[in-house]
């Protein structure tokens, strides 16, 4: 059972890293200091699906981490 949790943890960590890196954010550091004009915009299409996938992967990673701790 511990091996399954470790595999789920590893796989979700890798996919979570990929999902985070695929998300678009402004123009880098310039957006942090007000470089981007649109403050609020709605996520649509693939951007929304990627955002939802990132949340699901984060919850899966958290759950598998807690599962590994309780099994040990």
PDB file of N, CA and C in Angstrom:
ATOM      1  N   UNK A   1       0.830  -1.195   0.000  1.00  0.00           N
ATOM      2  CA  UNK A   1       0.000   0.000   0.000  1.00  0.00           C
ATOM      3  C   UNK A   1       0.872   1.255   0.000  1.00  0.00           C
ATOM      4  N   UNK A   2       1.965   1.185   0.738  1.00  0.00           N
ATOM      5  CA  UNK A   2       2.867   2.336   0.795  1.00  0.00           C
ATOM      6  C   UNK A   2       3.489   2.596  -0.580  1.00  0.00           C
ATOM      7  N   UNK A   3       3.788   1.528  -1.309  1.00  0.00           N
ATOM      8  CA  UNK A   3       4.370   1.676  -2.642  1.00  0.00           C
ATOM      9  C   UNK A   3       3.395   2.384  -3.586  1.00  0.00           C
ATOM     10  N   UNK A   4       2.122   2.071  -3.471  1.00  0.00           N
ATOM     11  CA  UNK A   4       1.114   2.722  -4.312  1.00  0.00           C
ATOM     12  C   UNK A   4       1.044   4.212  -4.003  1.00  0.00           C
ATOM     13  N   UNK A   5       1.060   4.554  -2.708  1.00  0.00           N
ATOM     14  CA  UNK A   5       1.029   5.964  -2.335  1.00  0.00           C
ATOM     15  C   UNK A   5       2.280   6.697  -2.825  1.00  0.00           C
ATOM     16  N   UNK A   6       3.411   6.057  -2.742  1.00  0.00           N
ATOM     17  CA  UNK A   6       4.659   6.683  -3.206  1.00  0.00           C
ATOM     18  C   UNK A   6       4.642   6.892  -4.724  1.00  0.00           C
ATOM     19  N   UNK A   7       4.106   5.915  -5.457  1.00  0.00           N
ATOM     20  CA  UNK A   7       4.014   6.057  -6.906  1.00  0.00           C
ATOM     21  C   UNK A   7       3.059   7.188  -7.278  1.00  0.00           C
ATOM     22  N   UNK A   8       1.901   7.244  -6.613  1.00  0.00           N
ATOM     23  CA  UNK A   8       0.940   8.315  -6.861  1.00  0.00           C
ATOM     24  C   UNK A   8       1.559   9.668  -6.525  1.00  0.00           C
ATOM     25  N   UNK A   9       2.323   9.722  -5.449  1.00  0.00           N
ATOM     26  CA  UNK A   9       2.969  10.963  -5.047  1.00  0.00           C
ATOM     27  C   UNK A   9       3.995  11.415  -6.085  1.00  0.00           C
ATOM     28  N   UNK A  10       4.794  10.501  -6.570  1.00  0.00           N
ATOM     29  CA  UNK A  10       5.812  10.827  -7.565  1.00  0.00           C
ATOM     30  C   UNK A  10       5.178  11.270  -8.881  1.00  0.00           C
ATOM     31  N   UNK A  11       4.190  10.519  -9.337  1.00  0.00           N
ATOM     32  CA  UNK A  11       3.539  10.852 -10.608  1.00  0.00           C
ATOM     33  C   UNK A  11       2.805  12.187 -10.517  1.00  0.00           C
ATOM     34  N   UNK A  12       2.093  12.409  -9.421  1.00  0.00           N
ATOM     35  CA  UNK A  12       1.365  13.672  -9.296  1.00  0.00           C
ATOM     36  C   UNK A  12       2.329  14.849  -9.152  1.00  0.00           C
ATOM     37  N   UNK A  13       3.478  14.642  -8.521  1.00  0.00           N
ATOM     38  CA  UNK A  13       4.467  15.713  -8.405  1.00  0.00           C
ATOM     39  C   UNK A  13       5.018  16.099  -9.776  1.00  0.00           C
ATOM     40  N   UNK A  14       5.334  15.104 -10.594  1.00  0.00           N
ATOM     41  CA  UNK A  14       5.862  15.391 -11.926  1.00  0.00           C
ATOM     42  C   UNK A  14       4.830  16.101 -12.800  1.00  0.00           C
ATOM     43  N   UNK A  15       3.594  15.601 -12.801  1.00  0.00           N
ATOM     44  CA  UNK A  15       2.551  16.223 -13.606  1.00  0.00           C
ATOM     45  C   UNK A  15       2.179  17.608 -13.079  1.00  0.00           C
ATOM     46  N   UNK A  16       2.267  17.801 -11.756  1.00  0.00           N
ATOM     47  CA  UNK A  16       1.986  19.113 -11.174  1.00  0.00           C
ATOM     48  C   UNK A  16       3.032  20.133 -11.606  1.00  0.00           C
ATOM     49  N   UNK A  17       4.277  19.734 -11.633  1.00  0.00           N
ATOM     50  CA  UNK A  17       5.347  20.624 -12.096  1.00  0.00           C
ATOM     51  C   UNK A  17       5.117  21.006 -13.553  1.00  0.00           C
ATOM     52  N   UNK A  18       4.771  20.029 -14.382  1.00  0.00           N
ATOM     53  CA  UNK A  18       4.525  20.304 -15.799  1.00  0.00           C
ATOM     54  C   UNK A  18       3.326  21.234 -15.972  1.00  0.00           C
ATOM     55  N   UNK A  19       2.253  20.984 -15.217  1.00  0.00           N
ATOM     56  CA  UNK A  19       1.048  21.806 -15.335  1.00  0.00           C
ATOM     57  C   UNK A  19       1.312  23.244 -14.906  1.00  0.00           C
ATOM     58  N   UNK A  20       2.100  23.430 -13.863  1.00  0.00           N
ATOM     59  CA  UNK A  20       2.423  24.785 -13.410  1.00  0.00           C
ATOM     60  C   UNK A  20       3.285  25.503 -14.434  1.00  0.00           C
ATOM     61  N   UNK A  21       4.249  24.802 -15.001  1.00  0.00           N
ATOM     62  CA  UNK A  21       5.124  25.440 -15.984  1.00  0.00           C
ATOM     63  C   UNK A  21       4.400  25.779 -17.281  1.00  0.00           C
ATOM     64  N   UNK A  22       3.339  25.062 -17.613  1.00  0.00           N
ATOM     65  CA  UNK A  22       2.605  25.330 -18.844  1.00  0.00           C
ATOM     66  C   UNK A  22       1.667  26.531 -18.738  1.00  0.00           C
ATOM     67  N   UNK A  23       1.363  26.948 -17.523  1.00  0.00           N
ATOM     68  CA  UNK A  23       0.453  28.076 -17.363  1.00  0.00           C
ATOM     69  C   UNK A  23       1.142  29.373 -17.745  1.00  0.00           C
ATOM     70  N   UNK A  24       0.387  30.257 -18.405  1.00  0.00           N
ATOM     71  CA  UNK A  24       0.943  31.533 -18.838  1.00  0.00           C
ATOM     72  C   UNK A  24       0.774  32.572 -17.746  1.00  0.00           C
ATOM     73  N   UNK A  25       1.802  33.392 -17.600  1.00  0.00           N
ATOM     74  CA  UNK A  25       1.762  34.484 -16.641  1.00  0.00           C
ATOM     75  C   UNK A  25       2.400  35.703 -17.262  1.00  0.00           C
ATOM     76  N   UNK A  26       1.682  36.765 -17.444  1.00  0.00           N
ATOM     77  CA  UNK A  26       2.199  38.056 -17.854  1.00  0.00           C
ATOM     78  C   UNK A  26       3.457  38.020 -18.701  1.00  0.00           C
ATOM     79  N   UNK A  27       4.349  38.927 -18.431  1.00  0.00           N
ATOM     80  CA  UNK A  27       5.617  39.003 -19.156  1.00  0.00           C
ATOM     81  C   UNK A  27       6.782  38.818 -18.217  1.00  0.00           C
ATOM     82  N   UNK A  28       6.609  37.986 -17.226  1.00  0.00           N
ATOM     83  CA  UNK A  28       7.698  37.730 -16.292  1.00  0.00           C
ATOM     84  C   UNK A  28       7.641  38.658 -15.099  1.00  0.00           C
ATOM     85  N   UNK A  29       8.787  39.197 -14.718  1.00  0.00           N
ATOM     86  CA  UNK A  29       8.889  40.025 -13.521  1.00  0.00           C
ATOM     87  C   UNK A  29       8.212  41.376 -13.707  1.00  0.00           C
ATOM     88  N   UNK A  30       8.078  41.847 -14.927  1.00  0.00           N
ATOM     89  CA  UNK A  30       7.429  43.123 -15.181  1.00  0.00           C
ATOM     90  C   UNK A  30       5.975  43.143 -14.751  1.00  0.00           C
ATOM     91  N   UNK A  31       5.302  41.999 -14.806  1.00  0.00           N
ATOM     92  CA  UNK A  31       3.898  41.926 -14.407  1.00  0.00           C
ATOM     93  C   UNK A  31       3.738  42.077 -12.900  1.00  0.00           C
ATOM     94  N   UNK A  32       4.765  41.744 -12.138  1.00  0.00           N
ATOM     95  CA  UNK A  32       4.687  41.868 -10.681  1.00  0.00           C
ATOM     96  C   UNK A  32       4.668  43.325 -10.244  1.00  0.00           C
ATOM     97  N   UNK A  33       5.196  44.214 -11.058  1.00  0.00           N
ATOM     98  CA  UNK A  33       5.259  45.629 -10.699  1.00  0.00           C
ATOM     99  C   UNK A  33       4.271  46.465 -11.492  1.00  0.00           C
ATOM    100  N   UNK A  34       3.191  45.863 -11.941  1.00  0.00           N
ATOM    101  CA  UNK A  34       2.145  46.605 -12.621  1.00  0.00           C
ATOM    102  C   UNK A  34       2.363  46.758 -14.112  1.00  0.00           C
ATOM    103  N   UNK A  35       3.156  45.930 -14.720  1.00  0.00           N
ATOM    104  CA  UNK A  35       3.426  46.044 -16.139  1.00  0.00           C
ATOM    105  C   UNK A  35       2.287  45.573 -17.021  1.00  0.00           C
ATOM    106  N   UNK A  36       1.381  44.798 -16.472  1.00  0.00           N
ATOM    107  CA  UNK A  36       0.278  44.271 -17.259  1.00  0.00           C
ATOM    108  C   UNK A  36      -0.978  45.087 -16.989  1.00  0.00           C
ATOM    109  N   UNK A  37      -1.686  45.493 -18.037  1.00  0.00           N
ATOM    110  CA  UNK A  37      -2.829  46.382 -17.896  1.00  0.00           C
ATOM    111  C   UNK A  37      -4.094  45.698 -17.415  1.00  0.00           C
ATOM    112  N   UNK A  38      -4.336  44.462 -17.810  1.00  0.00           N
ATOM    113  CA  UNK A  38      -5.577  43.802 -17.408  1.00  0.00           C
ATOM    114  C   UNK A  38      -5.373  43.067 -16.085  1.00  0.00           C
ATOM    115  N   UNK A  39      -6.011  43.603 -15.058  1.00  0.00           N
ATOM    116  CA  UNK A  39      -5.854  43.035 -13.722  1.00  0.00           C
ATOM    117  C   UNK A  39      -6.716  41.795 -13.572  1.00  0.00           C
ATOM    118  N   UNK A  40      -7.948  41.851 -14.073  1.00  0.00           N
ATOM    119  CA  UNK A  40      -8.864  40.725 -13.940  1.00  0.00           C
ATOM    120  C   UNK A  40      -9.278  40.251 -15.325  1.00  0.00           C
ATOM    121  N   UNK A  41      -9.109  38.982 -15.564  1.00  0.00           N
ATOM    122  CA  UNK A  41      -9.587  38.419 -16.818  1.00  0.00           C
ATOM    123  C   UNK A  41     -10.061  36.995 -16.572  1.00  0.00           C
ATOM    124  N   UNK A  42     -10.987  36.550 -17.370  1.00  0.00           N
ATOM    125  CA  UNK A  42     -11.589  35.234 -17.206  1.00  0.00           C
ATOM    126  C   UNK A  42     -10.766  34.190 -17.950  1.00  0.00           C
ATOM    127  N   UNK A  43     -10.557  33.074 -17.286  1.00  0.00           N
ATOM    128  CA  UNK A  43      -9.861  31.963 -17.925  1.00  0.00           C
ATOM    129  C   UNK A  43     -10.849  31.241 -18.837  1.00  0.00           C
ATOM    130  N   UNK A  44     -10.403  30.913 -20.045  1.00  0.00           N
ATOM    131  CA  UNK A  44     -11.274  30.242 -21.008  1.00  0.00           C
ATOM    132  C   UNK A  44     -10.514  29.137 -21.708  1.00  0.00           C
ATOM    133  N   UNK A  45     -11.251  28.163 -22.191  1.00  0.00           N
ATOM    134  CA  UNK A  45     -10.688  27.099 -23.015  1.00  0.00           C
ATOM    135  C   UNK A  45      -9.650  26.260 -22.300  1.00  0.00           C
ATOM    136  N   UNK A  46      -8.523  26.077 -22.967  1.00  0.00           N
ATOM    137  CA  UNK A  46      -7.461  25.207 -22.446  1.00  0.00           C
ATOM    138  C   UNK A  46      -6.844  25.791 -21.180  1.00  0.00           C
ATOM    139  N   UNK A  47      -6.838  27.119 -21.064  1.00  0.00           N
ATOM    140  CA  UNK A  47      -6.284  27.755 -19.877  1.00  0.00           C
ATOM    141  C   UNK A  47      -7.096  27.385 -18.632  1.00  0.00           C
ATOM    142  N   UNK A  48      -8.413  27.341 -18.763  1.00  0.00           N
ATOM    143  CA  UNK A  48      -9.283  26.976 -17.643  1.00  0.00           C
ATOM    144  C   UNK A  48      -9.111  25.503 -17.282  1.00  0.00           C
ATOM    145  N   UNK A  49      -9.016  24.643 -18.302  1.00  0.00           N
ATOM    146  CA  UNK A  49      -8.833  23.218 -18.045  1.00  0.00           C
ATOM    147  C   UNK A  49      -7.489  22.941 -17.377  1.00  0.00           C
ATOM    148  N   UNK A  50      -6.460  23.649 -17.807  1.00  0.00           N
ATOM    149  CA  UNK A  50      -5.143  23.478 -17.208  1.00  0.00           C
ATOM    150  C   UNK A  50      -5.136  23.953 -15.758  1.00  0.00           C
ATOM    151  N   UNK A  51      -5.850  25.042 -15.480  1.00  0.00           N
ATOM    152  CA  UNK A  51      -5.966  25.559 -14.117  1.00  0.00           C
ATOM    153  C   UNK A  51      -6.680  24.550 -13.220  1.00  0.00           C
ATOM    154  N   UNK A  52      -7.764  23.972 -13.725  1.00  0.00           N
ATOM    155  CA  UNK A  52      -8.506  22.967 -12.958  1.00  0.00           C
ATOM    156  C   UNK A  52      -7.657  21.714 -12.745  1.00  0.00           C
ATOM    157  N   UNK A  53      -6.933  21.295 -13.760  1.00  0.00           N
ATOM    158  CA  UNK A  53      -6.053  20.135 -13.645  1.00  0.00           C
ATOM    159  C   UNK A  53      -4.966  20.375 -12.600  1.00  0.00           C
ATOM    160  N   UNK A  54      -4.447  21.586 -12.545  1.00  0.00           N
ATOM    161  CA  UNK A  54      -3.422  21.926 -11.556  1.00  0.00           C
ATOM    162  C   UNK A  54      -3.968  21.798 -10.143  1.00  0.00           C
ATOM    163  N   UNK A  55      -5.190  22.252  -9.923  1.00  0.00           N
ATOM    164  CA  UNK A  55      -5.807  22.140  -8.599  1.00  0.00           C
ATOM    165  C   UNK A  55      -6.030  20.680  -8.233  1.00  0.00           C
ATOM    166  N   UNK A  56      -6.510  19.886  -9.178  1.00  0.00           N
ATOM    167  CA  UNK A  56      -6.752  18.460  -8.920  1.00  0.00           C
ATOM    168  C   UNK A  56      -5.443  17.743  -8.604  1.00  0.00           C
ATOM    169  N   UNK A  57      -4.393  18.041  -9.355  1.00  0.00           N
ATOM    170  CA  UNK A  57      -3.086  17.408  -9.104  1.00  0.00           C
ATOM    171  C   UNK A  57      -2.518  17.825  -7.755  1.00  0.00           C
ATOM    172  N   UNK A  58      -2.725  19.071  -7.359  1.00  0.00           N
ATOM    173  CA  UNK A  58      -2.239  19.527  -6.060  1.00  0.00           C
ATOM    174  C   UNK A  58      -2.964  18.805  -4.925  1.00  0.00           C
ATOM    175  N   UNK A  59      -4.276  18.615  -5.063  1.00  0.00           N
ATOM    176  CA  UNK A  59      -5.042  17.890  -4.049  1.00  0.00           C
ATOM    177  C   UNK A  59      -4.615  16.428  -4.003  1.00  0.00           C
ATOM    178  N   UNK A  60      -4.381  15.830  -5.159  1.00  0.00           N
ATOM    179  CA  UNK A  60      -3.916  14.441  -5.224  1.00  0.00           C
ATOM    180  C   UNK A  60      -2.543  14.295  -4.573  1.00  0.00           C
ATOM    181  N   UNK A  61      -1.651  15.249  -4.837  1.00  0.00           N
ATOM    182  CA  UNK A  61      -0.320  15.217  -4.233  1.00  0.00           C
ATOM    183  C   UNK A  61      -0.404  15.364  -2.712  1.00  0.00           C
ATOM    184  N   UNK A  62      -1.230  16.286  -2.252  1.00  0.00           N
ATOM    185  CA  UNK A  62      -1.401  16.479  -0.809  1.00  0.00           C
ATOM    186  C   UNK A  62      -1.982  15.226  -0.158  1.00  0.00           C
ATOM    187  N   UNK A  63      -2.978  14.636  -0.790  1.00  0.00           N
ATOM    188  CA  UNK A  63      -3.598  13.430  -0.241  1.00  0.00           C
ATOM    189  C   UNK A  63      -2.644  12.260  -0.188  1.00  0.00           C
ATOM    190  N   UNK A  64      -1.826  12.089  -1.221  1.00  0.00           N
ATOM    191  CA  UNK A  64      -0.868  10.978  -1.203  1.00  0.00           C
ATOM    192  C   UNK A  64       0.245  11.229  -0.185  1.00  0.00           C
ATOM    193  N   UNK A  65       0.615  12.475   0.025  1.00  0.00           N
ATOM    194  CA  UNK A  65       1.625  12.792   1.039  1.00  0.00           C
ATOM    195  C   UNK A  65       1.114  12.480   2.442  1.00  0.00           C
ATOM    196  N   UNK A  66      -0.129  12.860   2.698  1.00  0.00           N
ATOM    197  CA  UNK A  66      -0.731  12.555   3.994  1.00  0.00           C
ATOM    198  C   UNK A  66      -0.885  11.053   4.144  1.00  0.00           C
ATOM    199  N   UNK A  67      -1.256  10.349   3.079  1.00  0.00           N
ATOM    200  CA  UNK A  67      -1.380   8.897   3.130  1.00  0.00           C
ATOM    201  C   UNK A  67      -0.078   8.200   3.459  1.00  0.00           C
ATOM    202  N   UNK A  68       1.023   8.670   2.897  1.00  0.00           N
ATOM    203  CA  UNK A  68       2.337   8.082   3.191  1.00  0.00           C
ATOM    204  C   UNK A  68       2.704   8.295   4.656  1.00  0.00           C
ATOM    205  N   UNK A  69       2.397   9.476   5.174  1.00  0.00           N
ATOM    206  CA  UNK A  69       2.719   9.765   6.580  1.00  0.00           C
ATOM    207  C   UNK A  69       1.911   8.871   7.518  1.00  0.00           C
ATOM    208  N   UNK A  70       0.628   8.670   7.225  1.00  0.00           N
ATOM    209  CA  UNK A  70      -0.200   7.841   8.112  1.00  0.00           C
ATOM    210  C   UNK A  70       0.143   6.366   8.015  1.00  0.00           C
ATOM    211  N   UNK A  71       0.606   5.908   6.856  1.00  0.00           N
ATOM    212  CA  UNK A  71       0.959   4.499   6.716  1.00  0.00           C
ATOM    213  C   UNK A  71       2.245   4.188   7.492  1.00  0.00           C
ATOM    214  N   UNK A  72       3.177   5.131   7.483  1.00  0.00           N
ATOM    215  CA  UNK A  72       4.435   4.888   8.200  1.00  0.00           C
ATOM    216  C   UNK A  72       4.153   4.982   9.648  1.00  0.00           C
TER     217      UNK A  72
END
